[in-house]
PDB file of N, CA and C in Angstrom:
ATOM      1  N   MET A   1     -12.408   5.021  13.045  1.00  0.00           N
ATOM      2  CA  MET A   1     -10.973   5.239  13.080  1.00  0.00           C
ATOM      3  C   MET A   1     -10.263   3.897  13.214  1.00  0.00           C
ATOM      4  N   THR A   2      -9.220   3.711  12.476  1.00  0.00           N
ATOM      5  CA  THR A   2      -8.468   2.465  12.531  1.00  0.00           C
ATOM      6  C   THR A   2      -7.334   2.574  13.538  1.00  0.00           C
ATOM      7  N   ALA A   3      -6.827   1.440  13.961  1.00  0.00           N
ATOM      8  CA  ALA A   3      -5.695   1.412  14.876  1.00  0.00           C
ATOM      9  C   ALA A   3      -4.477   2.007  14.178  1.00  0.00           C
ATOM     10  N   PRO A   4      -3.593   2.662  14.931  1.00  0.00           N
ATOM     11  CA  PRO A   4      -2.434   3.321  14.307  1.00  0.00           C
ATOM     12  C   PRO A   4      -1.562   2.397  13.458  1.00  0.00           C
ATOM     13  N   THR A   5      -1.338   1.148  13.875  1.00  0.00           N
ATOM     14  CA  THR A   5      -0.497   0.256  13.082  1.00  0.00           C
ATOM     15  C   THR A   5      -1.187  -0.169  11.792  1.00  0.00           C
ATOM     16  N   VAL A   6      -2.490  -0.380  11.841  1.00  0.00           N
ATOM     17  CA  VAL A   6      -3.253  -0.715  10.637  1.00  0.00           C
ATOM     18  C   VAL A   6      -3.245   0.476   9.688  1.00  0.00           C
ATOM     19  N   GLU A   7      -3.502   1.634  10.225  1.00  0.00           N
ATOM     20  CA  GLU A   7      -3.493   2.852   9.417  1.00  0.00           C
ATOM     21  C   GLU A   7      -2.126   3.066   8.773  1.00  0.00           C
ATOM     22  N   ALA A   8      -1.060   2.841   9.510  1.00  0.00           N
ATOM     23  CA  ALA A   8       0.296   2.999   8.970  1.00  0.00           C
ATOM     24  C   ALA A   8       0.557   2.001   7.842  1.00  0.00           C
ATOM     25  N   ALA A   9       0.115   0.766   8.000  1.00  0.00           N
ATOM     26  CA  ALA A   9       0.307  -0.253   6.958  1.00  0.00           C
ATOM     27  C   ALA A   9      -0.448   0.119   5.687  1.00  0.00           C
ATOM     28  N   ILE A  10      -1.671   0.588   5.848  1.00  0.00           N
ATOM     29  CA  ILE A  10      -2.473   1.010   4.694  1.00  0.00           C
ATOM     30  C   ILE A  10      -1.785   2.157   3.973  1.00  0.00           C
ATOM     31  N   HIS A  11      -1.387   3.173   4.726  1.00  0.00           N
ATOM     32  CA  HIS A  11      -0.753   4.344   4.111  1.00  0.00           C
ATOM     33  C   HIS A  11       0.573   3.984   3.450  1.00  0.00           C
ATOM     34  N   GLU A  12       1.333   3.088   4.056  1.00  0.00           N
ATOM     35  CA  GLU A  12       2.608   2.697   3.459  1.00  0.00           C
ATOM     36  C   GLU A  12       2.398   2.032   2.104  1.00  0.00           C
ATOM     37  N   LEU A  13       1.476   1.073   2.034  1.00  0.00           N
ATOM     38  CA  LEU A  13       1.203   0.400   0.758  1.00  0.00           C
ATOM     39  C   LEU A  13       0.640   1.370  -0.270  1.00  0.00           C
ATOM     40  N   MET A  14      -0.343   2.142   0.125  1.00  0.00           N
ATOM     41  CA  MET A  14      -1.013   3.038  -0.820  1.00  0.00           C
ATOM     42  C   MET A  14      -0.085   4.159  -1.283  1.00  0.00           C
ATOM     43  N   ASP A  15       0.685   4.724  -0.373  1.00  0.00           N
ATOM     44  CA  ASP A  15       1.595   5.807  -0.749  1.00  0.00           C
ATOM     45  C   ASP A  15       2.727   5.307  -1.630  1.00  0.00           C
ATOM     46  N   LEU A  16       3.211   4.098  -1.337  1.00  0.00           N
ATOM     47  CA  LEU A  16       4.316   3.513  -2.091  1.00  0.00           C
ATOM     48  C   LEU A  16       3.966   3.347  -3.567  1.00  0.00           C
ATOM     49  N   ALA A  17       2.725   3.006  -3.842  1.00  0.00           N
ATOM     50  CA  ALA A  17       2.325   2.692  -5.220  1.00  0.00           C
ATOM     51  C   ALA A  17       1.138   3.525  -5.685  1.00  0.00           C
ATOM     52  N   TRP A  18       0.988   4.739  -5.158  1.00  0.00           N
ATOM     53  CA  TRP A  18      -0.218   5.504  -5.457  1.00  0.00           C
ATOM     54  C   TRP A  18      -0.444   5.722  -6.941  1.00  0.00           C
ATOM     55  N   ASN A  19       0.594   5.964  -7.728  1.00  0.00           N
ATOM     56  CA  ASN A  19       0.400   6.163  -9.169  1.00  0.00           C
ATOM     57  C   ASN A  19      -0.181   4.913  -9.828  1.00  0.00           C
ATOM     58  N   LEU A  20       0.292   3.744  -9.421  1.00  0.00           N
ATOM     59  CA  LEU A  20      -0.233   2.491  -9.970  1.00  0.00           C
ATOM     60  C   LEU A  20      -1.663   2.240  -9.500  1.00  0.00           C
ATOM     61  N   VAL A  21      -1.944   2.546  -8.231  1.00  0.00           N
ATOM     62  CA  VAL A  21      -3.310   2.399  -7.706  1.00  0.00           C
ATOM     63  C   VAL A  21      -4.246   3.331  -8.470  1.00  0.00           C
ATOM     64  N   TYR A  22      -3.838   4.559  -8.660  1.00  0.00           N
ATOM     65  CA  TYR A  22      -4.644   5.534  -9.404  1.00  0.00           C
ATOM     66  C   TYR A  22      -4.958   4.998 -10.803  1.00  0.00           C
ATOM     67  N   ASP A  23      -3.934   4.468 -11.492  1.00  0.00           N
ATOM     68  CA  ASP A  23      -4.139   3.928 -12.838  1.00  0.00           C
ATOM     69  C   ASP A  23      -5.135   2.763 -12.827  1.00  0.00           C
ATOM     70  N   LEU A  24      -5.026   1.875 -11.827  1.00  0.00           N
ATOM     71  CA  LEU A  24      -5.972   0.762 -11.712  1.00  0.00           C
ATOM     72  C   LEU A  24      -7.392   1.254 -11.490  1.00  0.00           C
ATOM     73  N   LEU A  25      -7.545   2.215 -10.583  1.00  0.00           N
ATOM     74  CA  LEU A  25      -8.874   2.763 -10.303  1.00  0.00           C
ATOM     75  C   LEU A  25      -9.455   3.410 -11.551  1.00  0.00           C
ATOM     76  N   GLN A  26      -8.621   4.142 -12.277  1.00  0.00           N
ATOM     77  CA  GLN A  26      -9.083   4.786 -13.506  1.00  0.00           C
ATOM     78  C   GLN A  26      -9.472   3.734 -14.549  1.00  0.00           C
ATOM     79  N   LEU A  27      -8.640   2.714 -14.725  1.00  0.00           N
ATOM     80  CA  LEU A  27      -8.901   1.656 -15.688  1.00  0.00           C
ATOM     81  C   LEU A  27     -10.211   0.933 -15.391  1.00  0.00           C
ATOM     82  N   ARG A  28     -10.526   0.728 -14.124  1.00  0.00           N
ATOM     83  CA  ARG A  28     -11.732   0.003 -13.714  1.00  0.00           C
ATOM     84  C   ARG A  28     -12.947   0.917 -13.526  1.00  0.00           C
ATOM     85  N   GLY A  29     -12.786   2.223 -13.780  1.00  0.00           N
ATOM     86  CA  GLY A  29     -13.893   3.159 -13.622  1.00  0.00           C
ATOM     87  C   GLY A  29     -14.281   3.374 -12.171  1.00  0.00           C
ATOM     88  N   LEU A  30     -13.309   3.329 -11.265  1.00  0.00           N
ATOM     89  CA  LEU A  30     -13.568   3.432  -9.826  1.00  0.00           C
ATOM     90  C   LEU A  30     -12.979   4.689  -9.201  1.00  0.00           C
ATOM     91  N   LEU A  31     -12.790   5.732  -9.971  1.00  0.00           N
ATOM     92  CA  LEU A  31     -12.153   6.930  -9.440  1.00  0.00           C
ATOM     93  C   LEU A  31     -13.068   7.821  -8.612  1.00  0.00           C
ATOM     94  N   GLY A  32     -14.303   7.465  -8.434  1.00  0.00           N
ATOM     95  CA  GLY A  32     -15.203   8.279  -7.609  1.00  0.00           C
ATOM     96  C   GLY A  32     -14.863   8.116  -6.143  1.00  0.00           C
ATOM     97  N   ASP A  33     -15.743   7.522  -5.382  1.00  0.00           N
ATOM     98  CA  ASP A  33     -15.484   7.260  -3.976  1.00  0.00           C
ATOM     99  C   ASP A  33     -14.293   6.320  -3.865  1.00  0.00           C
ATOM    100  N   GLY A  34     -13.518   6.496  -2.822  1.00  0.00           N
ATOM    101  CA  GLY A  34     -12.356   5.655  -2.633  1.00  0.00           C
ATOM    102  C   GLY A  34     -11.117   6.209  -3.278  1.00  0.00           C
ATOM    103  N   PHE A  35     -11.182   7.448  -3.728  1.00  0.00           N
ATOM    104  CA  PHE A  35     -10.038   8.046  -4.401  1.00  0.00           C
ATOM    105  C   PHE A  35      -8.955   8.473  -3.417  1.00  0.00           C
ATOM    106  N   PHE A  36      -9.326   8.954  -2.253  1.00  0.00           N
ATOM    107  CA  PHE A  36      -8.351   9.470  -1.309  1.00  0.00           C
ATOM    108  C   PHE A  36      -7.807   8.367  -0.411  1.00  0.00           C
ATOM    109  N   VAL A  37      -6.498   8.368  -0.173  1.00  0.00           N
ATOM    110  CA  VAL A  37      -5.856   7.353   0.660  1.00  0.00           C
ATOM    111  C   VAL A  37      -6.516   7.290   2.035  1.00  0.00           C
ATOM    112  N   GLU A  38      -6.940   8.418   2.568  1.00  0.00           N
ATOM    113  CA  GLU A  38      -7.541   8.466   3.892  1.00  0.00           C
ATOM    114  C   GLU A  38      -8.846   7.671   3.977  1.00  0.00           C
ATOM    115  N   GLU A  39      -9.477   7.404   2.848  1.00  0.00           N
ATOM    116  CA  GLU A  39     -10.735   6.666   2.828  1.00  0.00           C
ATOM    117  C   GLU A  39     -10.526   5.166   2.961  1.00  0.00           C
ATOM    118  N   TYR A  40      -9.299   4.703   2.813  1.00  0.00           N
ATOM    119  CA  TYR A  40      -9.004   3.277   2.936  1.00  0.00           C
ATOM    120  C   TYR A  40      -8.761   2.953   4.399  1.00  0.00           C
ATOM    121  N   THR A  41      -9.646   2.157   4.979  1.00  0.00           N
ATOM    122  CA  THR A  41      -9.588   1.900   6.418  1.00  0.00           C
ATOM    123  C   THR A  41      -9.456   0.425   6.755  1.00  0.00           C
ATOM    124  N   GLY A  42      -9.514  -0.444   5.766  1.00  0.00           N
ATOM    125  CA  GLY A  42      -9.432  -1.880   6.028  1.00  0.00           C
ATOM    126  C   GLY A  42      -8.291  -2.534   5.283  1.00  0.00           C
ATOM    127  N   ILE A  43      -7.709  -3.542   5.919  1.00  0.00           N
ATOM    128  CA  ILE A  43      -6.604  -4.269   5.289  1.00  0.00           C
ATOM    129  C   ILE A  43      -6.694  -5.734   5.704  1.00  0.00           C
ATOM    130  N   HIS A  44      -6.456  -6.610   4.740  1.00  0.00           N
ATOM    131  CA  HIS A  44      -6.439  -8.046   4.994  1.00  0.00           C
ATOM    132  C   HIS A  44      -5.233  -8.587   4.235  1.00  0.00           C
ATOM    133  N   SER A  45      -4.331  -9.273   4.934  1.00  0.00           N
ATOM    134  CA  SER A  45      -3.093  -9.718   4.317  1.00  0.00           C
ATOM    135  C   SER A  45      -2.804 -11.167   4.685  1.00  0.00           C
ATOM    136  N   TRP A  46      -2.265 -11.933   3.740  1.00  0.00           N
ATOM    137  CA  TRP A  46      -1.916 -13.327   3.983  1.00  0.00           C
ATOM    138  C   TRP A  46      -0.793 -13.735   3.045  1.00  0.00           C
ATOM    139  N   VAL A  47      -0.103 -14.803   3.415  1.00  0.00           N
ATOM    140  CA  VAL A  47       0.986 -15.349   2.615  1.00  0.00           C
ATOM    141  C   VAL A  47       0.522 -16.656   2.002  1.00  0.00           C
ATOM    142  N   ASP A  48       0.816 -16.817   0.707  1.00  0.00           N
ATOM    143  CA  ASP A  48       0.508 -18.050  -0.009  1.00  0.00           C
ATOM    144  C   ASP A  48       1.766 -18.413  -0.793  1.00  0.00           C
ATOM    145  N   GLY A  49       2.477 -19.427  -0.328  1.00  0.00           N
ATOM    146  CA  GLY A  49       3.742 -19.791  -0.958  1.00  0.00           C
ATOM    147  C   GLY A  49       4.778 -18.713  -0.743  1.00  0.00           C
ATOM    148  N   GLN A  50       5.331 -18.224  -1.824  1.00  0.00           N
ATOM    149  CA  GLN A  50       6.371 -17.190  -1.764  1.00  0.00           C
ATOM    150  C   GLN A  50       5.809 -15.768  -1.850  1.00  0.00           C
ATOM    151  N   ARG A  51       4.500 -15.627  -1.974  1.00  0.00           N
ATOM    152  CA  ARG A  51       3.898 -14.298  -2.188  1.00  0.00           C
ATOM    153  C   ARG A  51       3.046 -13.850  -1.014  1.00  0.00           C
ATOM    154  N   ARG A  52       3.050 -12.551  -0.784  1.00  0.00           N
ATOM    155  CA  ARG A  52       2.143 -11.939   0.185  1.00  0.00           C
ATOM    156  C   ARG A  52       1.047 -11.236  -0.600  1.00  0.00           C
ATOM    157  N   TYR A  53      -0.196 -11.560  -0.266  1.00  0.00           N
ATOM    158  CA  TYR A  53      -1.359 -10.911  -0.866  1.00  0.00           C
ATOM    159  C   TYR A  53      -1.953  -9.978   0.173  1.00  0.00           C
ATOM    160  N   THR A  54      -2.343  -8.809  -0.270  1.00  0.00           N
ATOM    161  CA  THR A  54      -2.945  -7.833   0.626  1.00  0.00           C
ATOM    162  C   THR A  54      -4.104  -7.166  -0.084  1.00  0.00           C
ATOM    163  N   VAL A  55      -5.240  -7.098   0.591  1.00  0.00           N
ATOM    164  CA  VAL A  55      -6.382  -6.346   0.090  1.00  0.00           C
ATOM    165  C   VAL A  55      -6.539  -5.135   0.991  1.00  0.00           C
ATOM    166  N   VAL A  56      -6.501  -3.965   0.397  1.00  0.00           N
ATOM    167  CA  VAL A  56      -6.747  -2.708   1.104  1.00  0.00           C
ATOM    168  C   VAL A  56      -8.064  -2.181   0.568  1.00  0.00           C
ATOM    169  N   HIS A  57      -8.962  -1.780   1.479  1.00  0.00           N
ATOM    170  CA  HIS A  57     -10.268  -1.348   0.983  1.00  0.00           C
ATOM    171  C   HIS A  57     -10.792  -0.112   1.698  1.00  0.00           C
ATOM    172  N   SER A  58     -11.598   0.602   0.941  1.00  0.00           N
ATOM    173  CA  SER A  58     -12.395   1.701   1.476  1.00  0.00           C
ATOM    174  C   SER A  58     -13.816   1.166   1.602  1.00  0.00           C
ATOM    175  N   ARG A  59     -14.763   2.039   1.820  1.00  0.00           N
ATOM    176  CA  ARG A  59     -16.171   1.626   1.851  1.00  0.00           C
ATOM    177  C   ARG A  59     -16.637   1.114   0.504  1.00  0.00           C
ATOM    178  N   ASP A  60     -16.015   1.610  -0.564  1.00  0.00           N
ATOM    179  CA  ASP A  60     -16.519   1.342  -1.908  1.00  0.00           C
ATOM    180  C   ASP A  60     -15.573   0.588  -2.830  1.00  0.00           C
ATOM    181  N   VAL A  61     -14.282   0.597  -2.523  1.00  0.00           N
ATOM    182  CA  VAL A  61     -13.280   0.055  -3.436  1.00  0.00           C
ATOM    183  C   VAL A  61     -12.324  -0.870  -2.687  1.00  0.00           C
ATOM    184  N   ALA A  62     -11.906  -1.962  -3.340  1.00  0.00           N
ATOM    185  CA  ALA A  62     -10.878  -2.859  -2.794  1.00  0.00           C
ATOM    186  C   ALA A  62      -9.754  -2.980  -3.820  1.00  0.00           C
ATOM    187  N   VAL A  63      -8.518  -2.927  -3.330  1.00  0.00           N
ATOM    188  CA  VAL A  63      -7.345  -3.036  -4.188  1.00  0.00           C
ATOM    189  C   VAL A  63      -6.537  -4.251  -3.737  1.00  0.00           C
ATOM    190  N   LEU A  64      -6.195  -5.119  -4.682  1.00  0.00           N
ATOM    191  CA  LEU A  64      -5.374  -6.288  -4.395  1.00  0.00           C
ATOM    192  C   LEU A  64      -3.925  -5.979  -4.712  1.00  0.00           C
ATOM    193  N   PHE A  65      -3.060  -6.227  -3.725  1.00  0.00           N
ATOM    194  CA  PHE A  65      -1.618  -6.093  -3.901  1.00  0.00           C
ATOM    195  C   PHE A  65      -1.013  -7.490  -3.862  1.00  0.00           C
ATOM    196  N   VAL A  66      -0.043  -7.735  -4.723  1.00  0.00           N
ATOM    197  CA  VAL A  66       0.789  -8.929  -4.635  1.00  0.00           C
ATOM    198  C   VAL A  66       2.162  -8.417  -4.261  1.00  0.00           C
ATOM    199  N   ASP A  67       2.622  -8.864  -3.097  1.00  0.00           N
ATOM    200  CA  ASP A  67       3.793  -8.295  -2.454  1.00  0.00           C
ATOM    201  C   ASP A  67       3.491  -6.810  -2.238  1.00  0.00           C
ATOM    202  N   THR A  68       4.147  -5.901  -2.905  1.00  0.00           N
ATOM    203  CA  THR A  68       3.836  -4.477  -2.713  1.00  0.00           C
ATOM    204  C   THR A  68       3.301  -3.830  -3.982  1.00  0.00           C
ATOM    205  N   ARG A  69       2.942  -4.636  -4.968  1.00  0.00           N
ATOM    206  CA  ARG A  69       2.473  -4.102  -6.253  1.00  0.00           C
ATOM    207  C   ARG A  69       0.963  -4.277  -6.384  1.00  0.00           C
ATOM    208  N   PRO A  70       0.238  -3.182  -6.626  1.00  0.00           N
ATOM    209  CA  PRO A  70      -1.208  -3.302  -6.848  1.00  0.00           C
ATOM    210  C   PRO A  70      -1.466  -3.954  -8.206  1.00  0.00           C
ATOM    211  N   VAL A  71      -2.332  -4.980  -8.217  1.00  0.00           N
ATOM    212  CA  VAL A  71      -2.573  -5.711  -9.459  1.00  0.00           C
ATOM    213  C   VAL A  71      -4.014  -5.636  -9.942  1.00  0.00           C
ATOM    214  N   ASP A  72      -4.956  -5.283  -9.068  1.00  0.00           N
ATOM    215  CA  ASP A  72      -6.346  -5.171  -9.503  1.00  0.00           C
ATOM    216  C   ASP A  72      -7.138  -4.356  -8.496  1.00  0.00           C
ATOM    217  N   ALA A  73      -8.256  -3.816  -8.958  1.00  0.00           N
ATOM    218  CA  ALA A  73      -9.169  -3.051  -8.102  1.00  0.00           C
ATOM    219  C   ALA A  73     -10.591  -3.409  -8.489  1.00  0.00           C
ATOM    220  N   ILE A  74     -11.455  -3.521  -7.474  1.00  0.00           N
ATOM    221  CA  ILE A  74     -12.859  -3.867  -7.697  1.00  0.00           C
ATOM    222  C   ILE A  74     -13.738  -3.049  -6.771  1.00  0.00           C
ATOM    223  N   VAL A  75     -15.031  -3.090  -7.025  1.00  0.00           N
ATOM    224  CA  VAL A  75     -16.001  -2.537  -6.096  1.00  0.00           C
ATOM    225  C   VAL A  75     -15.953  -3.413  -4.851  1.00  0.00           C
ATOM    226  N   PHE A  76     -15.867  -2.810  -3.679  1.00  0.00           N
ATOM    227  CA  PHE A  76     -15.756  -3.564  -2.427  1.00  0.00           C
ATOM    228  C   PHE A  76     -17.035  -4.336  -2.142  1.00  0.00           C
ATOM    229  N   ARG A  77     -16.865  -5.594  -1.753  1.00  0.00           N
ATOM    230  CA  ARG A  77     -17.978  -6.456  -1.331  1.00  0.00           C
ATOM    231  C   ARG A  77     -17.639  -6.989   0.056  1.00  0.00           C
ATOM    232  N   HIS A  78     -18.592  -6.951   0.970  1.00  0.00           N
ATOM    233  CA  HIS A  78     -18.333  -7.389   2.339  1.00  0.00           C
ATOM    234  C   HIS A  78     -17.992  -8.873   2.434  1.00  0.00           C
ATOM    235  N   ASP A  79     -18.520  -9.703   1.532  1.00  0.00           N
ATOM    236  CA  ASP A  79     -18.205 -11.127   1.599  1.00  0.00           C
ATOM    237  C   ASP A  79     -16.757 -11.430   1.217  1.00  0.00           C
ATOM    238  N   LEU A  80     -16.068 -10.470   0.664  1.00  0.00           N
ATOM    239  CA  LEU A  80     -14.643 -10.594   0.369  1.00  0.00           C
ATOM    240  C   LEU A  80     -13.838 -10.839   1.646  1.00  0.00           C
ATOM    241  N   LEU A  81     -14.239 -10.206   2.743  1.00  0.00           N
ATOM    242  CA  LEU A  81     -13.486 -10.275   3.995  1.00  0.00           C
ATOM    243  C   LEU A  81     -13.498 -11.651   4.635  1.00  0.00           C
ATOM    244  N   GLY A  82     -14.552 -12.414   4.489  1.00  0.00           N
ATOM    245  CA  GLY A  82     -14.619 -13.728   5.105  1.00  0.00           C
ATOM    246  C   GLY A  82     -14.320 -14.872   4.154  1.00  0.00           C
ATOM    247  N   ALA A  83     -13.907 -14.561   2.952  1.00  0.00           N
ATOM    248  CA  ALA A  83     -13.689 -15.584   1.930  1.00  0.00           C
ATOM    249  C   ALA A  83     -12.448 -16.420   2.215  1.00  0.00           C
ATOM    250  N   ASP A  84     -12.508 -17.692   1.824  1.00  0.00           N
ATOM    251  CA  ASP A  84     -11.351 -18.573   1.945  1.00  0.00           C
ATOM    252  C   ASP A  84     -10.213 -18.117   1.037  1.00  0.00           C
ATOM    253  N   ASP A  85     -10.553 -17.589  -0.130  1.00  0.00           N
ATOM    254  CA  ASP A  85      -9.549 -17.117  -1.094  1.00  0.00           C
ATOM    255  C   ASP A  85      -9.968 -15.735  -1.594  1.00  0.00           C
ATOM    256  N   PRO A  86      -9.682 -14.678  -0.839  1.00  0.00           N
ATOM    257  CA  PRO A  86     -10.115 -13.335  -1.236  1.00  0.00           C
ATOM    258  C   PRO A  86      -9.628 -12.906  -2.603  1.00  0.00           C
ATOM    259  N   LYS A  87      -8.470 -13.413  -3.035  1.00  0.00           N
ATOM    260  CA  LYS A  87      -7.958 -12.984  -4.349  1.00  0.00           C
ATOM    261  C   LYS A  87      -8.826 -13.491  -5.496  1.00  0.00           C
ATOM    262  N   SER A  88      -9.680 -14.490  -5.232  1.00  0.00           N
ATOM    263  CA  SER A  88     -10.555 -15.012  -6.281  1.00  0.00           C
ATOM    264  C   SER A  88     -11.623 -14.003  -6.708  1.00  0.00           C
ATOM    265  N   PHE A  89     -11.843 -12.970  -5.918  1.00  0.00           N
ATOM    266  CA  PHE A  89     -12.804 -11.932  -6.283  1.00  0.00           C
ATOM    267  C   PHE A  89     -12.249 -10.993  -7.345  1.00  0.00           C
ATOM    268  N   PHE A  90     -10.950 -11.016  -7.527  1.00  0.00           N
ATOM    269  CA  PHE A  90     -10.283 -10.115  -8.446  1.00  0.00           C
ATOM    270  C   PHE A  90     -10.008 -10.811  -9.770  1.00  0.00           C
ATOM    271  N   THR A  91      -9.909 -10.020 -10.839  1.00  0.00           N
ATOM    272  CA  THR A  91      -9.629 -10.565 -12.169  1.00  0.00           C
ATOM    273  C   THR A  91      -8.180 -10.996 -12.280  1.00  0.00           C
ATOM    274  N   VAL A  92      -7.279 -10.155 -11.841  1.00  0.00           N
ATOM    275  CA  VAL A  92      -5.849 -10.440 -11.910  1.00  0.00           C
ATOM    276  C   VAL A  92      -5.393 -10.902 -10.545  1.00  0.00           C
ATOM    277  N   SER A  93      -4.832 -12.107 -10.453  1.00  0.00           N
ATOM    278  CA  SER A  93      -4.421 -12.613  -9.149  1.00  0.00           C
ATOM    279  C   SER A  93      -2.974 -13.083  -9.132  1.00  0.00           C
ATOM    280  N   ALA A  94      -2.216 -12.699 -10.156  1.00  0.00           N
ATOM    281  CA  ALA A  94      -0.817 -13.157 -10.228  1.00  0.00           C
ATOM    282  C   ALA A  94       0.121 -12.295  -9.450  1.00  0.00           C
TER     283      ALA A  94
END
């Protein structure tokens, strides 16, 4: 179980753009596990210049948001969490 504020942040981002997240997951062939918003339990967010990057992940899927727009989705990898530049794991990083 995640902390209430973390859970709220995840749900706010995912609910705000769920149609776009769904399209990304479908485009990347990731609609299996990780389909339900409730399965997303991790979030990592940072600011780089004028942009906020956020990675929201389930056990199996990670979604990269730039500001509040989802821009890419990948199979979740644990080394993503400790990376110096987590957005480098994604194809689209703009």
